[in-house]
């Protein structure tokens, strides 16, 4: 494992309860905090990637035109879609 650096944090009651959930009796507090940070960073990266993909699709004129064609076709069939 790479060299670790000490870090001091102050946790309120909610954060302490969350830490216990992450640790789940299997991890030390330090391991649980590292795990939570890595999971949170991964989730933020995935969300950022998804946001970028949404922006790209929204900016794609051909994709928007295809969506409009499909929507018009579905509406022409009647019913609720």
N, C-alpha and C. Protein backbone atom coordinates (compact mmCIF):
# COMPACT_ATOMS: atom_id res chain seq x y z
N UNK A 1 0.85 -1.19 0.00
CA UNK A 1 0.00 0.00 0.00
C UNK A 1 0.89 1.24 0.00
N UNK A 2 0.50 2.28 -0.74
CA UNK A 2 1.30 3.51 -0.75
C UNK A 2 1.38 4.11 0.65
N UNK A 3 2.39 4.89 0.84
CA UNK A 3 2.60 5.55 2.12
C UNK A 3 1.38 6.40 2.47
N UNK A 4 0.92 6.27 3.69
CA UNK A 4 -0.23 7.06 4.11
C UNK A 4 0.23 8.28 4.89
N UNK A 5 -0.60 9.29 4.89
CA UNK A 5 -0.31 10.52 5.61
C UNK A 5 -1.40 10.72 6.66
N UNK A 6 -1.02 11.13 7.84
CA UNK A 6 -2.03 11.34 8.88
C UNK A 6 -2.92 12.53 8.54
N UNK A 7 -4.17 12.41 8.95
CA UNK A 7 -5.15 13.47 8.72
C UNK A 7 -6.10 13.46 9.91
N UNK A 8 -6.36 14.61 10.43
CA UNK A 8 -7.27 14.71 11.56
C UNK A 8 -8.61 15.25 11.06
N UNK A 9 -9.69 14.60 11.47
CA UNK A 9 -11.03 15.07 11.09
C UNK A 9 -11.92 15.11 12.32
N UNK A 10 -12.87 15.98 12.29
CA UNK A 10 -13.88 16.06 13.34
C UNK A 10 -15.19 15.60 12.72
N UNK A 11 -15.82 14.62 13.33
CA UNK A 11 -17.05 14.07 12.80
C UNK A 11 -18.21 14.38 13.73
N UNK A 12 -19.32 14.82 13.14
CA UNK A 12 -20.52 15.01 13.95
C UNK A 12 -21.21 13.65 14.11
N UNK A 13 -22.33 13.63 14.82
CA UNK A 13 -23.01 12.37 15.10
C UNK A 13 -23.43 11.64 13.83
N UNK A 14 -23.94 12.37 12.85
CA UNK A 14 -24.36 11.74 11.59
C UNK A 14 -23.17 11.10 10.89
N UNK A 15 -22.05 11.81 10.85
CA UNK A 15 -20.86 11.28 10.19
C UNK A 15 -20.31 10.07 10.95
N UNK A 16 -20.38 10.10 12.26
CA UNK A 16 -19.93 8.94 13.05
C UNK A 16 -20.80 7.72 12.77
N UNK A 17 -22.11 7.93 12.67
CA UNK A 17 -23.00 6.80 12.35
C UNK A 17 -22.70 6.27 10.95
N UNK A 18 -22.46 7.17 10.01
CA UNK A 18 -22.12 6.75 8.65
C UNK A 18 -20.80 5.98 8.64
N UNK A 19 -19.85 6.42 9.44
CA UNK A 19 -18.57 5.73 9.53
C UNK A 19 -18.75 4.31 10.05
N UNK A 20 -19.62 4.14 11.03
CA UNK A 20 -19.88 2.80 11.55
C UNK A 20 -20.52 1.91 10.49
N UNK A 21 -21.38 2.48 9.64
CA UNK A 21 -22.00 1.71 8.56
C UNK A 21 -20.92 1.27 7.57
N UNK A 22 -20.03 2.18 7.22
CA UNK A 22 -18.98 1.85 6.26
C UNK A 22 -18.03 0.81 6.86
N UNK A 23 -17.68 0.98 8.11
CA UNK A 23 -16.77 0.04 8.76
C UNK A 23 -17.43 -1.32 8.95
N UNK A 24 -18.71 -1.33 9.27
CA UNK A 24 -19.51 -2.55 9.42
C UNK A 24 -18.80 -3.62 10.25
N UNK A 25 -18.03 -3.20 11.24
CA UNK A 25 -17.37 -4.16 12.10
C UNK A 25 -16.21 -4.90 11.46
N UNK A 26 -15.90 -4.58 10.22
CA UNK A 26 -14.83 -5.30 9.50
C UNK A 26 -13.61 -4.43 9.26
N UNK A 27 -13.81 -3.13 9.24
CA UNK A 27 -12.72 -2.22 8.91
C UNK A 27 -12.38 -1.34 10.11
N UNK A 28 -11.12 -0.94 10.17
CA UNK A 28 -10.77 0.06 11.18
C UNK A 28 -11.38 1.39 10.74
N UNK A 29 -11.38 2.35 11.63
CA UNK A 29 -11.91 3.67 11.26
C UNK A 29 -11.12 4.26 10.10
N UNK A 30 -9.81 4.12 10.15
CA UNK A 30 -8.97 4.66 9.05
C UNK A 30 -9.31 3.98 7.73
N UNK A 31 -9.44 2.66 7.75
CA UNK A 31 -9.78 1.94 6.52
C UNK A 31 -11.17 2.35 6.02
N UNK A 32 -12.11 2.52 6.95
CA UNK A 32 -13.46 2.91 6.56
C UNK A 32 -13.47 4.30 5.94
N UNK A 33 -12.71 5.21 6.50
CA UNK A 33 -12.65 6.57 5.95
C UNK A 33 -12.02 6.55 4.56
N UNK A 34 -10.93 5.78 4.40
CA UNK A 34 -10.30 5.68 3.08
C UNK A 34 -11.28 5.08 2.07
N UNK A 35 -11.98 4.02 2.49
CA UNK A 35 -12.95 3.38 1.61
C UNK A 35 -14.05 4.36 1.19
N UNK A 36 -14.58 5.09 2.16
CA UNK A 36 -15.65 6.04 1.86
C UNK A 36 -15.17 7.14 0.92
N UNK A 37 -13.95 7.63 1.14
CA UNK A 37 -13.43 8.68 0.26
C UNK A 37 -13.24 8.17 -1.17
N UNK A 38 -12.69 6.97 -1.30
CA UNK A 38 -12.48 6.41 -2.64
C UNK A 38 -13.81 6.14 -3.34
N UNK A 39 -14.78 5.62 -2.60
CA UNK A 39 -16.10 5.37 -3.19
C UNK A 39 -16.77 6.68 -3.60
N UNK A 40 -16.69 7.69 -2.75
CA UNK A 40 -17.29 8.99 -3.07
C UNK A 40 -16.62 9.62 -4.30
N UNK A 41 -15.30 9.52 -4.37
CA UNK A 41 -14.58 10.07 -5.52
C UNK A 41 -14.97 9.33 -6.80
N UNK A 42 -15.08 8.01 -6.71
CA UNK A 42 -15.50 7.23 -7.88
C UNK A 42 -16.89 7.61 -8.34
N UNK A 43 -17.80 7.78 -7.39
CA UNK A 43 -19.17 8.17 -7.72
C UNK A 43 -19.20 9.55 -8.38
N UNK A 44 -18.41 10.48 -7.87
CA UNK A 44 -18.36 11.82 -8.47
C UNK A 44 -17.79 11.77 -9.88
N UNK A 45 -16.77 10.92 -10.08
CA UNK A 45 -16.22 10.77 -11.43
C UNK A 45 -17.26 10.20 -12.38
N UNK A 46 -17.98 9.17 -11.93
CA UNK A 46 -19.02 8.58 -12.79
C UNK A 46 -20.10 9.59 -13.10
N UNK A 47 -20.51 10.37 -12.10
CA UNK A 47 -21.54 11.39 -12.33
C UNK A 47 -21.04 12.45 -13.29
N UNK A 48 -19.78 12.85 -13.15
CA UNK A 48 -19.20 13.84 -14.05
C UNK A 48 -19.14 13.31 -15.47
N UNK A 49 -18.75 12.03 -15.62
CA UNK A 49 -18.72 11.41 -16.95
C UNK A 49 -20.12 11.36 -17.55
N UNK A 50 -21.11 11.00 -16.74
CA UNK A 50 -22.49 10.94 -17.21
C UNK A 50 -22.99 12.33 -17.61
N UNK A 51 -22.68 13.33 -16.80
CA UNK A 51 -23.07 14.70 -17.13
C UNK A 51 -22.46 15.13 -18.46
N UNK A 52 -21.19 14.77 -18.69
CA UNK A 52 -20.53 15.12 -19.95
C UNK A 52 -21.21 14.42 -21.12
N UNK A 53 -21.59 13.16 -20.92
CA UNK A 53 -22.26 12.42 -21.99
C UNK A 53 -23.63 13.03 -22.28
N UNK A 54 -24.35 13.43 -21.25
CA UNK A 54 -25.65 14.08 -21.43
C UNK A 54 -25.49 15.37 -22.21
N UNK A 55 -24.48 16.15 -21.87
CA UNK A 55 -24.22 17.41 -22.58
C UNK A 55 -23.90 17.14 -24.05
N UNK A 56 -23.11 16.10 -24.30
CA UNK A 56 -22.74 15.78 -25.68
C UNK A 56 -23.96 15.35 -26.49
N UNK A 57 -24.81 14.53 -25.89
CA UNK A 57 -26.02 14.09 -26.60
C UNK A 57 -26.95 15.28 -26.84
N UNK A 58 -27.09 16.13 -25.84
CA UNK A 58 -27.97 17.30 -25.99
C UNK A 58 -27.46 18.24 -27.07
N UNK A 59 -26.16 18.27 -27.26
CA UNK A 59 -25.58 19.17 -28.26
C UNK A 59 -25.55 18.56 -29.66
N UNK A 60 -25.89 17.29 -29.79
CA UNK A 60 -25.83 16.58 -31.07
C UNK A 60 -27.12 16.83 -31.85
N UNK A 61 -27.02 17.66 -32.87
CA UNK A 61 -28.19 18.04 -33.66
C UNK A 61 -28.82 16.82 -34.34
N UNK A 62 -28.01 15.91 -34.84
CA UNK A 62 -28.54 14.72 -35.50
C UNK A 62 -29.32 13.85 -34.51
N UNK A 63 -28.82 13.74 -33.31
CA UNK A 63 -29.51 12.96 -32.28
C UNK A 63 -30.85 13.61 -31.91
N UNK A 64 -30.84 14.92 -31.78
CA UNK A 64 -32.10 15.62 -31.46
C UNK A 64 -33.11 15.44 -32.58
N UNK A 65 -32.66 15.52 -33.84
CA UNK A 65 -33.56 15.35 -34.98
C UNK A 65 -34.13 13.94 -35.00
N UNK A 66 -33.30 12.94 -34.72
CA UNK A 66 -33.78 11.56 -34.69
C UNK A 66 -34.81 11.38 -33.59
N UNK A 67 -34.57 11.99 -32.45
CA UNK A 67 -35.53 11.91 -31.34
C UNK A 67 -36.86 12.52 -31.75
N UNK A 68 -36.82 13.66 -32.42
CA UNK A 68 -38.05 14.32 -32.86
C UNK A 68 -38.80 13.44 -33.86
N UNK A 69 -38.07 12.79 -34.76
CA UNK A 69 -38.71 11.91 -35.74
C UNK A 69 -39.39 10.73 -35.04
N UNK A 70 -38.69 10.14 -34.09
CA UNK A 70 -39.26 9.00 -33.36
C UNK A 70 -40.48 9.44 -32.56
N UNK A 71 -40.39 10.60 -31.91
CA UNK A 71 -41.51 11.11 -31.14
C UNK A 71 -42.72 11.36 -32.04
N UNK A 72 -42.49 11.97 -33.19
CA UNK A 72 -43.59 12.23 -34.13
C UNK A 72 -44.20 10.92 -34.61
N UNK A 73 -43.37 9.93 -34.91
CA UNK A 73 -43.87 8.64 -35.34
C UNK A 73 -44.72 7.98 -34.26
N UNK A 74 -44.22 7.99 -33.02
CA UNK A 74 -44.94 7.38 -31.91
C UNK A 74 -46.29 8.09 -31.70
N UNK A 75 -46.29 9.41 -31.80
CA UNK A 75 -47.52 10.17 -31.63
C UNK A 75 -48.51 9.83 -32.75
N UNK A 76 -48.00 9.58 -33.96
CA UNK A 76 -48.89 9.26 -35.08
C UNK A 76 -49.59 7.90 -34.90
N UNK A 77 -49.01 7.07 -34.08
CA UNK A 77 -49.62 5.75 -33.81
C UNK A 77 -50.79 5.86 -32.84
N UNK A 78 -50.86 6.96 -32.13
CA UNK A 78 -51.93 7.13 -31.15
C UNK A 78 -51.59 6.41 -29.86
N UNK A 79 -52.45 6.58 -28.89
CA UNK A 79 -52.20 5.95 -27.59
C UNK A 79 -51.29 6.79 -26.73
N UNK A 80 -51.01 6.29 -25.57
CA UNK A 80 -50.14 6.99 -24.63
C UNK A 80 -48.78 6.33 -24.63
N UNK A 81 -47.75 7.09 -24.87
CA UNK A 81 -46.39 6.53 -24.89
C UNK A 81 -45.63 7.21 -23.81
